[in-house]
Structures are given as structure tokens and as C-alpha cells.
Amino acid sequence: MRTGEIDEIAPEALLLHLEAFHHGVAVGLSHHPRAEGRKQSTARNLLERLRDQAHTVLRFADDPRHVPFTNNCGERALRPVKTQLKISGCHQSADGATAWLAVRSYLDSARKHGLSAFEAIHRAFTGTLWMPPITQTT
């Protein structure tokens, strides 16, 4: 577990924040009434999505140890791909793109498990390839 992460949110704090979330959505919906027969505003669409998908949006609150608060990890993993495309415009071939993405994926997975990029590459070239641990969910 990284510094600053918590195993669970205290029930009284969770209740307070859930009530505030639902109240905020309700107030927002009252300020952006549904326009019958017309396309809804972006704000209205977002508020309806937050209301209708509240359990999904707030899933991190049920299990903060296993569900991250943000999707920054996913965005960080995509950033090098977008940078590469901006610099070169594209990969030279589909095989080259596949190989590059395989290496990026391997290095990202190793980093997430505490291995440095140098150590992961060293192990790959010396025949002791690092593999992520296999966990079984029940």
C-alpha cells in the first residue's frame, strides 16, 4: 500500500460524503431542468449520469484498497503512446507498433510491481524474465 492510502472509509464519514454527493446532484438537476423534446444540456446529461450511475462512480468508496480514486494509472500508461504518435506521426509498421506496445506494457507492469525499468530489461536480456504474480480470485 502506498503512503496516504486507506483500507476503508469510516462509515460516518462515508455517509456524510454520500449524502453531500446526492444532495449536490439533486441541486444541480434542479438548476438544469429537463427540456422536453429537445437535446439536453451537457450539464444535465452529466448530472443524470452521476445520479443514475452513482454506485459505479463511487465504487472506490466501497473498497478503497482495491479500487483507485482516480484513473491516473491508466492515463499514465497511455501518455507515452500518445507522445510517440505526436513525435513520429505513426509507427513504421503494425509489427513495430505491436512490439513497442508489448515492451511498454511489460515495463509498466514491472514498475507497478516495484521493479525498475532497468532491472526488468536486464532480467529479460539475461533469460530471467520477470512475470507478474498470478493471483486467483474466488
C-alpha atoms as a PDB file:
ATOM      1  CA  MET A   1       0.000   0.000   0.000  1.00  0.00           C
ATOM      2  CA  ARG A   2       1.311   3.444  -0.879  1.00  0.00           C
ATOM      3  CA  THR A   3       1.584   6.249   1.633  1.00  0.00           C
ATOM      4  CA  GLY A   4      -1.681   8.073   2.161  1.00  0.00           C
ATOM      5  CA  GLU A   5      -3.914   5.203   1.061  1.00  0.00           C
ATOM      6  CA  ILE A   6      -6.546   3.856   3.403  1.00  0.00           C
ATOM      7  CA  ASP A   7      -8.143   0.440   3.844  1.00  0.00           C
ATOM      8  CA  GLU A   8     -11.642   1.758   4.418  1.00  0.00           C
ATOM      9  CA  ILE A   9     -13.603   4.931   4.934  1.00  0.00           C
ATOM     10  CA  ALA A  10     -15.206   5.351   8.343  1.00  0.00           C
ATOM     11  CA  PRO A  11     -18.962   4.665   7.999  1.00  0.00           C
ATOM     12  CA  GLU A  12     -19.993   8.033   9.469  1.00  0.00           C
ATOM     13  CA  ALA A  13     -17.647   9.909   7.125  1.00  0.00           C
ATOM     14  CA  LEU A  14     -18.834   7.825   4.178  1.00  0.00           C
ATOM     15  CA  LEU A  15     -22.480   8.562   4.968  1.00  0.00           C
ATOM     16  CA  LEU A  16     -21.754  12.295   5.246  1.00  0.00           C
ATOM     17  CA  HIS A  17     -19.985  12.387   1.873  1.00  0.00           C
ATOM     18  CA  LEU A  18     -22.576  10.205   0.118  1.00  0.00           C
ATOM     19  CA  GLU A  19     -25.373  12.471   1.333  1.00  0.00           C
ATOM     20  CA  ALA A  20     -23.444  15.527   0.148  1.00  0.00           C
ATOM     21  CA  PHE A  21     -22.852  13.887  -3.263  1.00  0.00           C
ATOM     22  CA  HIS A  22     -26.531  13.019  -3.768  1.00  0.00           C
ATOM     23  CA  HIS A  23     -27.661  16.427  -2.483  1.00  0.00           C
ATOM     24  CA  GLY A  24     -25.252  18.171  -4.870  1.00  0.00           C
ATOM     25  CA  VAL A  25     -26.547  16.158  -7.814  1.00  0.00           C
ATOM     26  CA  ALA A  26     -30.159  16.939  -6.848  1.00  0.00           C
ATOM     27  CA  VAL A  27     -29.411  20.670  -6.575  1.00  0.00           C
ATOM     28  CA  GLY A  28     -27.633  20.582  -9.933  1.00  0.00           C
ATOM     29  CA  LEU A  29     -30.594  18.843 -11.553  1.00  0.00           C
ATOM     30  CA  SER A  30     -32.942  21.488 -10.134  1.00  0.00           C
ATOM     31  CA  HIS A  31     -30.789  24.216 -11.760  1.00  0.00           C
ATOM     32  CA  HIS A  32     -30.752  22.397 -15.108  1.00  0.00           C
ATOM     33  CA  PRO A  33     -34.349  21.275 -15.737  1.00  0.00           C
ATOM     34  CA  ARG A  34     -35.117  18.689 -18.387  1.00  0.00           C
ATOM     35  CA  ALA A  35     -36.049  20.287 -21.722  1.00  0.00           C
ATOM     36  CA  GLU A  36     -38.754  18.022 -23.109  1.00  0.00           C
ATOM     37  CA  GLY A  37     -38.492  17.274 -26.794  1.00  0.00           C
ATOM     38  CA  ARG A  38     -35.028  18.857 -27.059  1.00  0.00           C
ATOM     39  CA  LYS A  39     -31.457  17.763 -26.706  1.00  0.00           C
ATOM     40  CA  GLN A  40     -30.390  18.076 -23.059  1.00  0.00           C
ATOM     41  CA  SER A  41     -27.542  20.322 -21.937  1.00  0.00           C
ATOM     42  CA  THR A  42     -24.126  18.839 -21.232  1.00  0.00           C
ATOM     43  CA  ALA A  43     -24.565  19.700 -17.554  1.00  0.00           C
ATOM     44  CA  ARG A  44     -27.945  17.944 -17.404  1.00  0.00           C
ATOM     45  CA  ASN A  45     -26.545  14.844 -19.115  1.00  0.00           C
ATOM     46  CA  LEU A  46     -23.619  14.698 -16.677  1.00  0.00           C
ATOM     47  CA  LEU A  47     -25.859  15.160 -13.634  1.00  0.00           C
ATOM     48  CA  GLU A  48     -28.238  12.436 -14.823  1.00  0.00           C
ATOM     49  CA  ARG A  49     -25.298  10.108 -15.387  1.00  0.00           C
ATOM     50  CA  LEU A  50     -23.952  10.845 -11.905  1.00  0.00           C
ATOM     51  CA  ARG A  51     -27.402  10.183 -10.430  1.00  0.00           C
ATOM     52  CA  ASP A  52     -28.076   7.008 -12.411  1.00  0.00           C
ATOM     53  CA  GLN A  53     -24.554   5.583 -12.135  1.00  0.00           C
ATOM     54  CA  ALA A  54     -23.767   6.727  -8.582  1.00  0.00           C
ATOM     55  CA  HIS A  55     -22.768   3.242  -7.437  1.00  0.00           C
ATOM     56  CA  THR A  56     -20.244   2.936 -10.274  1.00  0.00           C
ATOM     57  CA  VAL A  57     -18.933   6.482  -9.847  1.00  0.00           C
ATOM     58  CA  LEU A  58     -18.477   5.995  -6.098  1.00  0.00           C
ATOM     59  CA  ARG A  59     -17.203   2.399  -6.235  1.00  0.00           C
ATOM     60  CA  PHE A  60     -13.822   3.480  -4.835  1.00  0.00           C
ATOM     61  CA  ALA A  61     -15.603   4.406  -1.575  1.00  0.00           C
ATOM     62  CA  ASP A  62     -16.800   0.815  -1.036  1.00  0.00           C
ATOM     63  CA  ASP A  63     -13.320  -0.700  -1.377  1.00  0.00           C
ATOM     64  CA  PRO A  64     -10.605   1.991  -1.427  1.00  0.00           C
ATOM     65  CA  ARG A  65      -7.855  -0.629  -1.092  1.00  0.00           C
ATOM     66  CA  HIS A  66      -8.680  -2.267  -4.446  1.00  0.00           C
ATOM     67  CA  VAL A  67     -10.410   0.464  -6.445  1.00  0.00           C
ATOM     68  CA  PRO A  68      -8.329   3.600  -7.047  1.00  0.00           C
ATOM     69  CA  PHE A  69      -9.911   7.011  -6.581  1.00  0.00           C
ATOM     70  CA  THR A  70      -8.650   8.186  -9.972  1.00  0.00           C
ATOM     71  CA  ASN A  71      -7.783   6.613 -13.296  1.00  0.00           C
ATOM     72  CA  ASN A  72      -4.380   8.311 -13.384  1.00  0.00           C
ATOM     73  CA  CYS A  73      -2.598   4.933 -13.661  1.00  0.00           C
ATOM     74  CA  GLY A  74      -4.444   4.196 -16.872  1.00  0.00           C
ATOM     75  CA  GLU A  75      -3.829   7.676 -18.211  1.00  0.00           C
ATOM     76  CA  ARG A  76      -0.128   7.482 -17.317  1.00  0.00           C
ATOM     77  CA  ALA A  77       0.160   4.206 -19.210  1.00  0.00           C
ATOM     78  CA  LEU A  78      -1.348   5.808 -22.343  1.00  0.00           C
ATOM     79  CA  ARG A  79       0.722   9.003 -22.231  1.00  0.00           C
ATOM     80  CA  PRO A  80       3.893   7.507 -23.827  1.00  0.00           C
ATOM     81  CA  VAL A  81       1.795   6.049 -26.656  1.00  0.00           C
ATOM     82  CA  LYS A  82       0.257   9.440 -27.442  1.00  0.00           C
ATOM     83  CA  THR A  83       3.663  11.147 -27.183  1.00  0.00           C
ATOM     84  CA  GLN A  84       5.191   8.629 -29.600  1.00  0.00           C
ATOM     85  CA  LEU A  85       2.370   9.228 -32.073  1.00  0.00           C
ATOM     86  CA  LYS A  86       2.760  13.013 -31.793  1.00  0.00           C
ATOM     87  CA  ILE A  87       6.506  12.841 -32.422  1.00  0.00           C
ATOM     88  CA  SER A  88       6.573  10.388 -35.297  1.00  0.00           C
ATOM     89  CA  GLY A  89       3.009  10.587 -36.567  1.00  0.00           C
ATOM     90  CA  CYS A  90       2.731   6.800 -36.592  1.00  0.00           C
ATOM     91  CA  HIS A  91       4.729   3.607 -36.291  1.00  0.00           C
ATOM     92  CA  GLN A  92       6.520   2.346 -39.393  1.00  0.00           C
ATOM     93  CA  SER A  93       4.647  -0.955 -39.372  1.00  0.00           C
ATOM     94  CA  ALA A  94       1.975  -2.839 -37.467  1.00  0.00           C
ATOM     95  CA  ASP A  95       4.649  -5.282 -36.255  1.00  0.00           C
ATOM     96  CA  GLY A  96       6.770  -2.396 -34.953  1.00  0.00           C
ATOM     97  CA  ALA A  97       3.794  -0.892 -33.140  1.00  0.00           C
ATOM     98  CA  THR A  98       2.915  -4.266 -31.616  1.00  0.00           C
ATOM     99  CA  ALA A  99       6.489  -4.820 -30.418  1.00  0.00           C
ATOM    100  CA  TRP A 100       6.751  -1.292 -28.989  1.00  0.00           C
ATOM    101  CA  LEU A 101       3.444  -1.672 -27.118  1.00  0.00           C
ATOM    102  CA  ALA A 102       4.487  -5.094 -25.766  1.00  0.00           C
ATOM    103  CA  VAL A 103       7.691  -3.610 -24.330  1.00  0.00           C
ATOM    104  CA  ARG A 104       5.792  -0.638 -22.867  1.00  0.00           C
ATOM    105  CA  SER A 105       3.237  -2.964 -21.280  1.00  0.00           C
ATOM    106  CA  TYR A 106       5.978  -5.177 -19.808  1.00  0.00           C
ATOM    107  CA  LEU A 107       7.812  -2.167 -18.325  1.00  0.00           C
ATOM    108  CA  ASP A 108       4.613  -0.607 -16.937  1.00  0.00           C
ATOM    109  CA  SER A 109       3.589  -3.879 -15.291  1.00  0.00           C
ATOM    110  CA  ALA A 110       7.056  -4.373 -13.814  1.00  0.00           C
ATOM    111  CA  ARG A 111       7.066  -0.807 -12.461  1.00  0.00           C
ATOM    112  CA  LYS A 112       3.668  -1.320 -10.843  1.00  0.00           C
ATOM    113  CA  HIS A 113       5.109  -4.350  -9.047  1.00  0.00           C
ATOM    114  CA  GLY A 114       8.149  -2.448  -7.736  1.00  0.00           C
ATOM    115  CA  LEU A 115      10.747  -3.381 -10.367  1.00  0.00           C
ATOM    116  CA  SER A 116      12.730  -0.641 -12.083  1.00  0.00           C
ATOM    117  CA  ALA A 117      12.728  -0.464 -15.880  1.00  0.00           C
ATOM    118  CA  PHE A 118      16.451  -1.193 -15.874  1.00  0.00           C
ATOM    119  CA  GLU A 119      16.001  -4.311 -13.728  1.00  0.00           C
ATOM    120  CA  ALA A 120      13.103  -5.556 -15.873  1.00  0.00           C
ATOM    121  CA  ILE A 121      15.088  -5.096 -19.105  1.00  0.00           C
ATOM    122  CA  HIS A 122      18.194  -6.671 -17.538  1.00  0.00           C
ATOM    123  CA  ARG A 123      16.185  -9.713 -16.476  1.00  0.00           C
ATOM    124  CA  ALA A 124      14.624 -10.014 -19.938  1.00  0.00           C
ATOM    125  CA  PHE A 125      18.036  -9.993 -21.648  1.00  0.00           C
ATOM    126  CA  THR A 126      19.663 -12.391 -19.184  1.00  0.00           C
ATOM    127  CA  GLY A 127      16.974 -15.037 -19.510  1.00  0.00           C
ATOM    128  CA  THR A 128      15.308 -14.498 -16.122  1.00  0.00           C
ATOM    129  CA  LEU A 129      12.217 -12.775 -17.485  1.00  0.00           C
ATOM    130  CA  TRP A 130      10.091 -11.130 -14.809  1.00  0.00           C
ATOM    131  CA  MET A 131       6.459 -12.182 -14.826  1.00  0.00           C
ATOM    132  CA  PRO A 132       3.676 -10.660 -12.731  1.00  0.00           C
ATOM    133  CA  PRO A 133       2.393 -12.888  -9.943  1.00  0.00           C
ATOM    134  CA  ILE A 134      -0.688 -14.904 -10.784  1.00  0.00           C
ATOM    135  CA  THR A 135      -3.498 -14.370  -8.303  1.00  0.00           C
ATOM    136  CA  GLN A 136      -6.711 -16.297  -8.236  1.00  0.00           C
ATOM    137  CA  THR A 137      -9.937 -14.578  -7.374  1.00  0.00           C
ATOM    138  CA  THR A 138     -12.629 -16.588  -5.687  1.00  0.00           C
END
